[in-house]
Amino acid sequence: MKKLCNTLYILTENSYLHCENGTICVKIGGTEKTRIPAHTVDSIICLCNTTVSSPFIGFCGEQGISLSFHSDHGRFYGRITGPVSGNVLLRTKQYQWIGSPESAEIVRNILSGKLLNSRNLLLKSARNTTEDKADILRNAAQMLSEQQTALETADSIDRMLVDPAQFAQIKAELSKIIDSQTDSIRFYRLGSKWETKIETMGLEKGIRQDEPLLL
């Protein structure tokens, strides 16, 4: 079982990272600010002008710690990772499952989990808002329940897709809930040239579709 570790965010300008005795040391202006045991960290995200030592890069590679660099606005610059290993037999099995009943079962489980989490989030929000908005949220949660029930009888991935009528209904319900001045919802369509088919509802944040996003 994989152990879940922490992500270290570097937010202070002119930070300097180096390693010492199995720890990650952070210096600012020549003064050491903190030390973090390396075994508790699995990734480091630098969101400002940050300097790292060459031994530190090698140390991160040996420890399996991903080191990535971004602008202060979150634009991705690059990532440094150590050696990786793969399983050829696993990859072959994944290709064999494409279009098979096993693939439909995997997709069904993934979608069921996402629908359940979204439904629980809507119902939780409904308990903490006004009654008129709560009714809208509960109706949206009911729609997700119906979609989850329909998933149980779908025997192929094609039957799990949302048809245009359902998609229009979902957008109509969401338009009643969001605040167009502060909220933003993006709809992504899978398939070829998906980046040209993104729809935005509410506040357009002006993010370019061809640039990486930091979430």
Protein backbone atom coordinates (compact mmCIF):
# COMPACT_ATOMS: atom_id res chain seq x y z
CA MET A 1 0.00 0.00 0.00
CA LYS A 2 1.35 3.41 -0.95
CA LYS A 3 1.94 5.80 1.93
CA LEU A 4 0.37 9.21 1.40
CA CYS A 5 2.82 12.00 2.23
CA ASN A 6 2.71 15.79 2.28
CA THR A 7 3.22 18.38 -0.44
CA LEU A 8 5.60 21.22 0.46
CA TYR A 9 4.70 24.60 -1.08
CA ILE A 10 7.41 27.27 -1.33
CA LEU A 11 5.72 30.69 -1.43
CA THR A 12 8.46 33.08 -0.26
CA GLU A 13 10.65 34.83 -2.83
CA ASN A 14 14.38 34.03 -2.94
CA SER A 15 14.03 30.84 -0.95
CA TYR A 16 16.94 28.39 -1.07
CA LEU A 17 16.46 24.63 -0.69
CA HIS A 18 19.14 22.12 0.23
CA CYS A 19 19.40 18.80 2.01
CA GLU A 20 21.14 17.90 5.23
CA ASN A 21 21.01 14.67 7.26
CA GLY A 22 17.93 13.38 5.47
CA THR A 23 15.97 16.61 5.87
CA ILE A 24 14.80 19.34 3.52
CA CYS A 25 16.22 22.68 4.66
CA VAL A 26 14.66 25.99 3.65
CA LYS A 27 16.71 29.18 3.88
CA ILE A 28 15.48 32.72 3.24
CA GLY A 29 18.01 35.51 3.02
CA GLY A 30 20.72 33.20 4.35
CA THR A 31 18.73 32.35 7.47
CA GLU A 32 17.44 28.83 7.96
CA LYS A 33 13.69 28.91 8.53
CA THR A 34 12.73 25.26 8.81
CA ARG A 35 13.78 21.65 8.39
CA ILE A 36 11.40 18.92 7.26
CA PRO A 37 12.11 15.17 7.34
CA ALA A 38 12.29 14.04 3.71
CA HIS A 39 10.36 10.82 4.36
CA THR A 40 7.21 12.85 5.13
CA VAL A 41 7.22 14.69 1.76
CA ASP A 42 6.44 13.28 -1.69
CA SER A 43 6.41 16.51 -3.72
CA ILE A 44 7.69 20.09 -3.57
CA ILE A 45 5.97 22.89 -5.49
CA CYS A 46 7.88 26.16 -5.87
CA LEU A 47 5.50 29.05 -6.58
CA CYS A 48 8.07 31.84 -6.69
CA ASN A 49 11.71 32.58 -7.47
CA THR A 50 13.39 29.63 -5.75
CA THR A 51 16.97 28.34 -5.84
CA VAL A 52 17.94 24.72 -5.17
CA SER A 53 21.36 23.09 -4.84
CA SER A 54 22.52 20.41 -7.28
CA PRO A 55 22.90 17.80 -4.50
CA PHE A 56 19.33 18.62 -3.45
CA ILE A 57 18.05 17.70 -6.94
CA GLY A 58 19.84 14.36 -6.69
CA PHE A 59 18.54 13.87 -3.17
CA CYS A 60 14.94 14.43 -4.30
CA GLY A 61 15.43 11.94 -7.13
CA GLU A 62 16.74 9.28 -4.75
CA GLN A 63 13.92 9.87 -2.28
CA GLY A 64 11.21 9.84 -4.97
CA ILE A 65 10.27 13.47 -4.29
CA SER A 66 8.86 15.38 -7.25
CA LEU A 67 10.23 18.93 -7.59
CA SER A 68 8.27 21.36 -9.77
CA PHE A 69 8.64 25.06 -10.53
CA HIS A 70 5.86 27.56 -11.24
CA SER A 71 5.41 31.29 -11.58
CA ASP A 72 3.85 33.21 -8.70
CA HIS A 73 0.57 33.01 -10.66
CA GLY A 74 0.77 29.23 -10.91
CA ARG A 75 1.99 28.88 -14.49
CA PHE A 76 3.93 25.64 -14.84
CA TYR A 77 7.62 25.94 -15.76
CA GLY A 78 8.98 22.43 -15.36
CA ARG A 79 9.33 19.35 -13.16
CA ILE A 80 12.27 17.27 -12.00
CA THR A 81 11.71 13.63 -11.09
CA GLY A 82 14.01 10.73 -10.33
CA PRO A 83 14.10 7.30 -11.96
CA VAL A 84 10.71 5.69 -12.55
CA SER A 85 9.76 2.07 -13.02
CA GLY A 86 6.90 0.56 -14.96
CA ASN A 87 5.17 -2.77 -15.36
CA VAL A 88 4.96 -3.91 -18.97
CA LEU A 89 2.51 -6.69 -18.14
CA LEU A 90 0.19 -4.24 -16.39
CA ARG A 91 0.27 -1.84 -19.36
CA THR A 92 -0.44 -4.71 -21.76
CA LYS A 93 -3.41 -5.78 -19.66
CA GLN A 94 -4.78 -2.25 -19.70
CA TYR A 95 -4.72 -2.19 -23.51
CA GLN A 96 -6.42 -5.58 -23.61
CA TRP A 97 -9.25 -4.26 -21.46
CA ILE A 98 -10.10 -1.44 -23.86
CA GLY A 99 -13.58 -2.17 -25.23
CA SER A 100 -14.01 -5.24 -23.02
CA PRO A 101 -16.69 -5.78 -20.31
CA GLU A 102 -13.96 -5.25 -17.70
CA SER A 103 -13.38 -1.69 -18.94
CA ALA A 104 -17.09 -0.88 -18.63
CA GLU A 105 -17.04 -2.09 -15.04
CA ILE A 106 -14.04 0.09 -14.21
CA VAL A 107 -15.67 3.18 -15.77
CA ARG A 108 -18.92 2.41 -13.93
CA ASN A 109 -17.14 2.29 -10.58
CA ILE A 110 -15.28 5.55 -11.25
CA LEU A 111 -18.42 7.39 -12.32
CA SER A 112 -20.45 5.99 -9.42
CA GLY A 113 -17.88 7.29 -6.95
CA LYS A 114 -17.81 10.75 -8.52
CA LEU A 115 -21.61 10.95 -8.64
CA LEU A 116 -21.90 9.86 -5.02
CA ASN A 117 -19.33 12.41 -3.84
CA SER A 118 -21.02 15.19 -5.83
CA ARG A 119 -24.44 14.24 -4.50
CA ASN A 120 -23.21 14.26 -0.89
CA LEU A 121 -21.60 17.68 -1.47
CA LEU A 122 -24.86 19.10 -2.82
CA LEU A 123 -26.88 17.73 0.10
CA LYS A 124 -24.36 19.11 2.58
CA SER A 125 -24.59 22.54 0.93
CA ALA A 126 -28.38 22.33 1.01
CA ARG A 127 -28.29 22.04 4.79
CA ASN A 128 -26.34 25.31 5.09
CA THR A 129 -28.27 27.67 2.83
CA THR A 130 -31.66 29.31 2.41
CA GLU A 131 -34.70 27.15 1.73
CA ASP A 132 -35.20 28.31 -1.86
CA LYS A 133 -31.61 27.48 -2.79
CA ALA A 134 -31.79 24.26 -0.79
CA ASP A 135 -34.64 23.03 -3.00
CA ILE A 136 -32.53 23.63 -6.11
CA LEU A 137 -29.57 21.79 -4.59
CA ARG A 138 -31.75 18.86 -3.54
CA ASN A 139 -33.22 18.65 -7.04
CA ALA A 140 -29.71 18.57 -8.49
CA ALA A 141 -28.78 15.83 -6.01
CA GLN A 142 -31.83 13.84 -7.11
CA MET A 143 -30.70 14.12 -10.73
CA LEU A 144 -27.35 12.65 -9.76
CA SER A 145 -29.10 9.81 -7.94
CA GLU A 146 -31.06 9.01 -11.09
CA GLN A 147 -27.85 9.03 -13.13
CA GLN A 148 -26.23 6.68 -10.64
CA THR A 149 -29.19 4.29 -10.87
CA ALA A 150 -28.97 4.35 -14.67
CA LEU A 151 -25.30 3.42 -14.46
CA GLU A 152 -26.16 0.08 -12.85
CA THR A 153 -27.94 -1.12 -16.01
CA ALA A 154 -25.44 0.28 -18.52
CA ASP A 155 -23.56 -2.59 -20.16
CA SER A 156 -21.16 -0.49 -22.25
CA ILE A 157 -19.21 2.75 -21.94
CA ASP A 158 -21.30 4.34 -24.73
CA ARG A 159 -24.45 3.92 -22.62
CA MET A 160 -22.78 5.77 -19.75
CA LEU A 161 -22.41 8.98 -21.73
CA VAL A 162 -24.64 11.97 -21.01
CA ASP A 163 -26.96 12.68 -23.94
CA PRO A 164 -27.51 16.28 -25.20
CA ALA A 165 -30.88 16.60 -23.44
CA GLN A 166 -29.44 15.57 -20.08
CA PHE A 167 -26.47 17.88 -20.57
CA ALA A 168 -28.78 20.82 -21.27
CA GLN A 169 -30.83 20.00 -18.17
CA ILE A 170 -27.74 19.85 -15.98
CA LYS A 171 -26.53 23.23 -17.22
CA ALA A 172 -29.97 24.74 -16.65
CA GLU A 173 -30.03 23.52 -13.05
CA LEU A 174 -26.51 24.75 -12.39
CA SER A 175 -27.31 28.18 -13.81
CA LYS A 176 -29.92 28.57 -11.05
CA ILE A 177 -27.42 27.80 -8.31
CA ILE A 178 -24.25 29.69 -9.14
CA ASP A 179 -23.46 33.34 -8.59
CA SER A 180 -22.37 34.55 -12.03
CA GLN A 181 -20.30 37.34 -10.42
CA THR A 182 -18.11 35.06 -8.32
CA ASP A 183 -18.56 31.43 -9.45
CA SER A 184 -17.12 29.72 -12.50
CA ILE A 185 -17.95 26.28 -13.91
CA ARG A 186 -16.17 24.71 -16.87
CA PHE A 187 -17.56 21.84 -18.94
CA TYR A 188 -15.06 19.56 -20.68
CA ARG A 189 -16.06 17.25 -23.55
CA LEU A 190 -13.94 14.15 -23.98
CA GLY A 191 -12.60 13.18 -27.38
CA SER A 192 -10.43 14.69 -30.08
CA LYS A 193 -9.87 18.46 -30.02
CA TRP A 194 -11.42 18.63 -26.56
CA GLU A 195 -9.56 21.87 -25.81
CA THR A 196 -11.71 23.72 -28.39
CA LYS A 197 -14.97 22.47 -26.86
CA ILE A 198 -14.64 23.82 -23.32
CA GLU A 199 -17.69 25.75 -22.12
CA THR A 200 -17.66 28.22 -19.25
CA MET A 201 -20.62 29.23 -17.11
CA GLY A 202 -20.45 32.23 -14.81
CA LEU A 203 -17.30 34.25 -14.32
CA GLU A 204 -14.74 33.78 -17.10
CA LYS A 205 -11.34 33.81 -15.41
CA GLY A 206 -9.44 34.28 -18.65
CA ILE A 207 -7.32 31.12 -18.36
CA ARG A 208 -5.80 30.11 -21.65
CA GLN A 209 -6.84 26.64 -22.73
CA ASP A 210 -3.36 25.72 -23.96
CA GLU A 211 -1.62 26.44 -20.65
CA PRO A 212 -1.30 24.09 -17.66
CA LEU A 213 -3.53 24.76 -14.64
CA LEU A 214 -2.43 24.54 -11.02
CA LEU A 215 -5.28 23.16 -8.93
